[in-house]
Structures are given as structure tokens and as C-alpha cells.
């Protein structure tokens, strides 16, 4: 079992890029020792059990997706191998335009408090 010390908790830094339906398009993290076997690209973010209350995170994600704000910040509890870590989550809207088509994705930046 991994012992998550306060020092490690301060270093949690994870970035996801999600499609509107929650599919993980990109993943980067600072805790390779903890996420080394994780390859979530192509999977649904909300089925990966990262958070203590995934339904609340889904509600916040949908609210942000339907709104007009470009950035939203909130605190949330991350589950890391049976440990709960308080984090700050930032959602950022990304809109790409190419060949007269518009694609939207959401960047999810997660950092320890």
C-alpha cells in the first residue's frame, strides 16, 4: 500500500482534456509513481472513480459545459489509492475551429491544496 504523505499530497497535479461527453482526450500527471499503470485516454472520465463524489463532479462539469464562462474553479476531494486528497479543480473551455467546423473540449486541471 502506498503511504501518501503531506509532501506528496502537495505535489498532486493532473491535467485532463475531455470531450463534452467526458471522453478523455489527453492526460498528464505529476505522480507517475501513483498513476504509472493508468492509461485513461479514450475512456470516460466519470467512470474512472477519481473522486469521492463523481455525481457532484458530473453536475459541475455539465453546468460549466452548458454555461458561457471560460473558466471555473472549485475545491473537490480526489481519491488516490484509498486516500482522500483535497484539491483545487479548474475547468477551462477550449474551442477549436478548423475547416469551418467547431470542436469544444474542456481542460480539467487538478492540484492539491
N, C-alpha and C. Protein backbone atom coordinates (compact mmCIF):
# COMPACT_ATOMS: atom_id res chain seq x y z
N UNK A 1 0.84 -1.19 0.00
CA UNK A 1 0.00 0.00 0.00
C UNK A 1 0.88 1.24 0.00
N UNK A 2 0.44 2.25 -0.71
CA UNK A 2 1.21 3.49 -0.82
C UNK A 2 0.90 4.40 0.35
N UNK A 3 1.93 4.96 0.94
CA UNK A 3 1.76 5.92 2.01
C UNK A 3 1.81 7.32 1.40
N UNK A 4 0.69 7.99 1.38
CA UNK A 4 0.63 9.32 0.79
C UNK A 4 0.90 10.33 1.89
N UNK A 5 2.08 10.90 1.91
CA UNK A 5 2.46 11.88 2.94
C UNK A 5 1.96 13.25 2.53
N UNK A 6 2.01 14.20 3.47
CA UNK A 6 1.62 15.58 3.15
C UNK A 6 2.47 16.14 2.03
N UNK A 7 3.74 15.80 2.01
CA UNK A 7 4.63 16.30 0.98
C UNK A 7 4.16 15.85 -0.40
N UNK A 8 3.78 14.58 -0.53
CA UNK A 8 3.30 14.07 -1.81
C UNK A 8 1.95 14.69 -2.14
N UNK A 9 1.08 14.84 -1.15
CA UNK A 9 -0.23 15.42 -1.40
C UNK A 9 -0.12 16.81 -2.01
N UNK A 10 0.88 17.59 -1.60
CA UNK A 10 1.06 18.93 -2.15
C UNK A 10 1.49 18.91 -3.60
N UNK A 11 1.99 17.77 -4.06
CA UNK A 11 2.52 17.68 -5.41
C UNK A 11 1.53 17.14 -6.43
N UNK A 12 0.32 16.81 -6.03
CA UNK A 12 -0.64 16.29 -6.98
C UNK A 12 -0.94 17.34 -8.03
N UNK A 13 -0.76 16.97 -9.25
CA UNK A 13 -1.00 17.86 -10.38
C UNK A 13 -1.38 16.99 -11.56
N UNK A 14 -2.63 17.06 -11.98
CA UNK A 14 -3.14 16.23 -13.06
C UNK A 14 -3.91 17.10 -14.03
N UNK A 15 -3.70 16.87 -15.32
CA UNK A 15 -4.45 17.59 -16.35
C UNK A 15 -5.11 16.58 -17.28
N UNK A 16 -6.39 16.81 -17.53
CA UNK A 16 -7.14 16.03 -18.50
C UNK A 16 -7.71 16.98 -19.53
N UNK A 17 -7.87 16.50 -20.75
CA UNK A 17 -8.68 17.20 -21.73
C UNK A 17 -9.84 16.26 -22.02
N UNK A 18 -11.06 16.76 -21.84
CA UNK A 18 -12.26 15.95 -22.00
C UNK A 18 -13.13 16.46 -23.13
N UNK A 19 -13.77 15.53 -23.83
CA UNK A 19 -14.80 15.91 -24.79
C UNK A 19 -16.06 16.25 -23.99
N UNK A 20 -17.07 16.75 -24.67
CA UNK A 20 -18.31 17.14 -24.00
C UNK A 20 -18.99 15.96 -23.30
N UNK A 21 -18.79 14.74 -23.78
CA UNK A 21 -19.41 13.57 -23.14
C UNK A 21 -18.53 12.94 -22.07
N UNK A 22 -17.34 13.53 -21.81
CA UNK A 22 -16.47 13.04 -20.75
C UNK A 22 -15.36 12.10 -21.20
N UNK A 23 -15.25 11.88 -22.51
CA UNK A 23 -14.18 11.02 -23.02
C UNK A 23 -12.84 11.73 -22.82
N UNK A 24 -11.86 11.01 -22.29
CA UNK A 24 -10.54 11.59 -22.04
C UNK A 24 -9.75 11.63 -23.34
N UNK A 25 -9.40 12.85 -23.76
CA UNK A 25 -8.65 13.06 -25.00
C UNK A 25 -7.15 13.18 -24.74
N UNK A 26 -6.80 13.66 -23.53
CA UNK A 26 -5.40 13.89 -23.17
C UNK A 26 -5.27 13.72 -21.67
N UNK A 27 -4.10 13.23 -21.24
CA UNK A 27 -3.85 13.03 -19.82
C UNK A 27 -2.38 13.27 -19.52
N UNK A 28 -2.11 14.04 -18.46
CA UNK A 28 -0.75 14.28 -17.99
C UNK A 28 -0.80 14.40 -16.48
N UNK A 29 0.21 13.83 -15.80
CA UNK A 29 0.20 13.90 -14.34
C UNK A 29 1.61 14.03 -13.80
N UNK A 30 1.70 14.47 -12.55
CA UNK A 30 2.99 14.65 -11.89
C UNK A 30 3.32 13.49 -10.96
N UNK A 31 2.42 12.56 -10.82
CA UNK A 31 2.62 11.46 -9.87
C UNK A 31 2.77 10.13 -10.60
N UNK A 32 3.80 10.00 -11.40
CA UNK A 32 3.98 8.76 -12.16
C UNK A 32 4.01 7.53 -11.27
N UNK A 33 4.53 7.68 -10.06
CA UNK A 33 4.58 6.54 -9.15
C UNK A 33 3.17 6.07 -8.78
N UNK A 34 2.20 6.97 -8.79
CA UNK A 34 0.85 6.62 -8.40
C UNK A 34 -0.04 6.30 -9.60
N UNK A 35 0.23 6.90 -10.74
CA UNK A 35 -0.60 6.71 -11.92
C UNK A 35 0.15 5.99 -13.03
N UNK A 36 1.25 5.31 -12.72
CA UNK A 36 2.10 4.75 -13.77
C UNK A 36 1.38 3.71 -14.62
N UNK A 37 0.43 3.00 -14.07
CA UNK A 37 -0.29 1.98 -14.84
C UNK A 37 -1.56 2.52 -15.47
N UNK A 38 -1.81 3.78 -15.30
CA UNK A 38 -3.05 4.37 -15.77
C UNK A 38 -2.87 4.92 -17.18
N UNK A 39 -3.68 4.45 -18.09
CA UNK A 39 -3.71 4.98 -19.45
C UNK A 39 -5.18 5.26 -19.77
N UNK A 40 -5.67 6.42 -19.33
CA UNK A 40 -7.10 6.67 -19.43
C UNK A 40 -7.58 7.24 -20.76
N UNK A 41 -6.69 7.58 -21.67
CA UNK A 41 -7.11 8.21 -22.93
C UNK A 41 -8.08 7.28 -23.66
N UNK A 42 -9.22 7.85 -24.06
CA UNK A 42 -10.26 7.08 -24.74
C UNK A 42 -11.33 6.56 -23.80
N UNK A 43 -11.07 6.60 -22.50
CA UNK A 43 -12.05 6.13 -21.52
C UNK A 43 -12.91 7.30 -21.03
N UNK A 44 -14.01 6.99 -20.37
CA UNK A 44 -14.87 8.03 -19.83
C UNK A 44 -14.36 8.46 -18.46
N UNK A 45 -14.07 9.73 -18.33
CA UNK A 45 -13.54 10.32 -17.10
C UNK A 45 -14.43 10.00 -15.90
N UNK A 46 -15.74 10.03 -16.10
CA UNK A 46 -16.67 9.89 -14.99
C UNK A 46 -16.90 8.43 -14.59
N UNK A 47 -16.29 7.50 -15.28
CA UNK A 47 -16.35 6.09 -14.92
C UNK A 47 -15.05 5.62 -14.29
N UNK A 48 -14.08 6.52 -14.05
CA UNK A 48 -12.76 6.13 -13.57
C UNK A 48 -12.60 6.23 -12.06
N UNK A 49 -13.61 6.67 -11.35
CA UNK A 49 -13.59 6.67 -9.88
C UNK A 49 -12.45 7.50 -9.29
N UNK A 50 -12.21 8.68 -9.85
CA UNK A 50 -11.17 9.58 -9.34
C UNK A 50 -11.63 10.37 -8.12
N UNK A 51 -12.92 10.59 -8.00
CA UNK A 51 -13.42 11.50 -6.99
C UNK A 51 -14.33 10.80 -6.01
N UNK A 52 -14.37 11.37 -4.81
CA UNK A 52 -15.23 10.83 -3.76
C UNK A 52 -16.70 10.90 -4.17
N UNK A 53 -17.11 11.97 -4.82
CA UNK A 53 -18.50 12.17 -5.24
C UNK A 53 -18.53 12.49 -6.73
N UNK A 54 -18.44 11.47 -7.56
CA UNK A 54 -18.36 11.66 -9.01
C UNK A 54 -19.65 12.29 -9.56
N UNK A 55 -20.79 12.02 -8.93
CA UNK A 55 -22.06 12.62 -9.40
C UNK A 55 -22.03 14.14 -9.26
N UNK A 56 -21.47 14.62 -8.16
CA UNK A 56 -21.36 16.07 -7.96
C UNK A 56 -20.38 16.67 -8.98
N UNK A 57 -19.29 15.97 -9.25
CA UNK A 57 -18.34 16.46 -10.25
C UNK A 57 -19.01 16.50 -11.62
N UNK A 58 -19.78 15.48 -11.97
CA UNK A 58 -20.51 15.44 -13.24
C UNK A 58 -21.49 16.60 -13.33
N UNK A 59 -22.18 16.89 -12.22
CA UNK A 59 -23.12 18.02 -12.20
C UNK A 59 -22.39 19.33 -12.47
N UNK A 60 -21.26 19.54 -11.81
CA UNK A 60 -20.48 20.77 -12.01
C UNK A 60 -19.95 20.86 -13.44
N UNK A 61 -19.47 19.74 -13.98
CA UNK A 61 -18.96 19.70 -15.35
C UNK A 61 -20.06 20.07 -16.34
N UNK A 62 -21.24 19.47 -16.20
CA UNK A 62 -22.37 19.77 -17.09
C UNK A 62 -22.81 21.21 -16.99
N UNK A 63 -22.85 21.73 -15.76
CA UNK A 63 -23.23 23.13 -15.57
C UNK A 63 -22.25 24.04 -16.28
N UNK A 64 -20.96 23.76 -16.15
CA UNK A 64 -19.93 24.55 -16.83
C UNK A 64 -20.06 24.40 -18.35
N UNK A 65 -20.28 23.19 -18.83
CA UNK A 65 -20.39 22.92 -20.26
C UNK A 65 -21.55 23.69 -20.88
N UNK A 66 -22.66 23.80 -20.17
CA UNK A 66 -23.84 24.49 -20.69
C UNK A 66 -23.77 26.00 -20.53
N UNK A 67 -22.87 26.47 -19.66
CA UNK A 67 -22.76 27.91 -19.41
C UNK A 67 -21.88 28.62 -20.43
N UNK A 68 -21.59 29.87 -20.12
CA UNK A 68 -20.78 30.70 -21.01
C UNK A 68 -19.42 31.05 -20.43
N UNK A 69 -19.20 30.74 -19.15
CA UNK A 69 -17.92 31.06 -18.54
C UNK A 69 -16.80 30.29 -19.23
N UNK A 70 -15.63 30.92 -19.31
CA UNK A 70 -14.48 30.24 -19.92
C UNK A 70 -13.66 29.47 -18.90
N UNK A 71 -13.79 29.85 -17.61
CA UNK A 71 -13.04 29.19 -16.53
C UNK A 71 -13.94 29.09 -15.30
N UNK A 72 -13.81 27.98 -14.58
CA UNK A 72 -14.49 27.81 -13.30
C UNK A 72 -13.56 27.08 -12.35
N UNK A 73 -13.50 27.52 -11.09
CA UNK A 73 -12.67 26.91 -10.06
C UNK A 73 -13.53 26.43 -8.92
N UNK A 74 -13.17 25.28 -8.34
CA UNK A 74 -13.85 24.79 -7.14
C UNK A 74 -12.96 23.76 -6.46
N UNK A 75 -13.22 23.51 -5.18
CA UNK A 75 -12.48 22.51 -4.42
C UNK A 75 -13.21 21.17 -4.52
N UNK A 76 -12.42 20.10 -4.54
CA UNK A 76 -13.02 18.77 -4.63
C UNK A 76 -12.08 17.76 -4.01
N UNK A 77 -12.60 16.61 -3.60
CA UNK A 77 -11.80 15.57 -2.98
C UNK A 77 -11.41 14.52 -4.01
N UNK A 78 -10.12 14.31 -4.17
CA UNK A 78 -9.56 13.32 -5.09
C UNK A 78 -9.31 12.03 -4.33
N UNK A 79 -9.69 10.90 -4.90
CA UNK A 79 -9.38 9.60 -4.32
C UNK A 79 -8.12 9.09 -4.99
N UNK A 80 -7.08 8.85 -4.21
CA UNK A 80 -5.82 8.37 -4.75
C UNK A 80 -5.42 7.11 -4.00
N UNK A 81 -5.73 5.96 -4.58
CA UNK A 81 -5.41 4.67 -3.97
C UNK A 81 -5.81 4.62 -2.49
N UNK A 82 -7.08 4.78 -2.24
CA UNK A 82 -7.67 4.70 -0.90
C UNK A 82 -7.33 5.89 0.00
N UNK A 83 -6.77 6.93 -0.54
CA UNK A 83 -6.51 8.15 0.21
C UNK A 83 -7.36 9.27 -0.37
N UNK A 84 -7.82 10.15 0.49
CA UNK A 84 -8.60 11.30 0.05
C UNK A 84 -7.73 12.54 0.15
N UNK A 85 -7.62 13.27 -0.94
CA UNK A 85 -6.76 14.46 -1.00
C UNK A 85 -7.61 15.64 -1.45
N UNK A 86 -7.56 16.71 -0.69
CA UNK A 86 -8.29 17.93 -1.05
C UNK A 86 -7.57 18.61 -2.22
N UNK A 87 -8.33 18.92 -3.25
CA UNK A 87 -7.75 19.52 -4.45
C UNK A 87 -8.52 20.75 -4.89
N UNK A 88 -7.88 21.51 -5.74
CA UNK A 88 -8.49 22.65 -6.42
C UNK A 88 -8.65 22.24 -7.87
N UNK A 89 -9.84 22.32 -8.40
CA UNK A 89 -10.12 21.94 -9.79
C UNK A 89 -10.41 23.20 -10.59
N UNK A 90 -9.78 23.30 -11.75
CA UNK A 90 -10.07 24.39 -12.66
C UNK A 90 -10.56 23.78 -13.98
N UNK A 91 -11.73 24.20 -14.40
CA UNK A 91 -12.27 23.80 -15.70
C UNK A 91 -12.06 24.96 -16.66
N UNK A 92 -11.52 24.66 -17.84
CA UNK A 92 -11.26 25.68 -18.86
C UNK A 92 -11.82 25.21 -20.20
N UNK A 93 -12.55 26.08 -20.84
CA UNK A 93 -13.17 25.77 -22.12
C UNK A 93 -12.16 26.00 -23.25
N UNK A 94 -12.08 25.04 -24.16
CA UNK A 94 -11.22 25.15 -25.34
C UNK A 94 -12.10 24.97 -26.57
N UNK A 95 -12.03 25.95 -27.48
CA UNK A 95 -12.81 25.85 -28.72
C UNK A 95 -11.83 25.91 -29.88
N UNK A 96 -11.88 24.90 -30.73
CA UNK A 96 -11.02 24.86 -31.91
C UNK A 96 -11.87 25.00 -33.15
N UNK A 97 -11.34 25.71 -34.10
CA UNK A 97 -12.04 25.88 -35.39
C UNK A 97 -11.10 25.45 -36.50
N UNK A 98 -11.58 24.53 -37.32
CA UNK A 98 -10.81 24.11 -38.49
C UNK A 98 -11.76 23.61 -39.55
N UNK A 99 -11.47 23.94 -40.78
CA UNK A 99 -12.30 23.54 -41.92
C UNK A 99 -13.78 23.88 -41.70
N UNK A 100 -14.02 25.07 -41.18
CA UNK A 100 -15.38 25.58 -40.94
C UNK A 100 -16.14 24.76 -39.90
N UNK A 101 -15.45 23.90 -39.15
CA UNK A 101 -16.10 23.14 -38.08
C UNK A 101 -15.58 23.63 -36.73
N UNK A 102 -16.42 23.49 -35.74
CA UNK A 102 -16.07 23.94 -34.40
C UNK A 102 -16.11 22.75 -33.44
N UNK A 103 -15.04 22.57 -32.71
CA UNK A 103 -14.98 21.49 -31.72
C UNK A 103 -14.70 22.10 -30.35
N UNK A 104 -15.36 21.56 -29.34
CA UNK A 104 -15.17 22.07 -27.99
C UNK A 104 -14.68 20.96 -27.09
N UNK A 105 -13.73 21.29 -26.23
CA UNK A 105 -13.29 20.35 -25.20
C UNK A 105 -13.09 21.14 -23.92
N UNK A 106 -12.93 20.42 -22.83
CA UNK A 106 -12.75 21.04 -21.51
C UNK A 106 -11.44 20.54 -20.92
N UNK A 107 -10.61 21.48 -20.49
CA UNK A 107 -9.40 21.14 -19.76
C UNK A 107 -9.77 21.05 -18.29
N UNK A 108 -9.37 19.97 -17.63
CA UNK A 108 -9.60 19.77 -16.19
C UNK A 108 -8.23 19.74 -15.53
N UNK A 109 -7.92 20.80 -14.80
CA UNK A 109 -6.62 20.95 -14.11
C UNK A 109 -6.87 20.70 -12.62
N UNK A 110 -6.20 19.69 -12.05
CA UNK A 110 -6.41 19.29 -10.67
C UNK A 110 -5.10 19.43 -9.91
N UNK A 111 -5.12 20.20 -8.81
CA UNK A 111 -3.91 20.41 -8.00
C UNK A 111 -4.26 20.29 -6.52
N UNK A 112 -3.32 19.77 -5.76
CA UNK A 112 -3.51 19.67 -4.31
C UNK A 112 -3.63 21.06 -3.68
N UNK A 113 -4.41 21.13 -2.61
CA UNK A 113 -4.49 22.39 -1.85
C UNK A 113 -3.34 22.47 -0.88
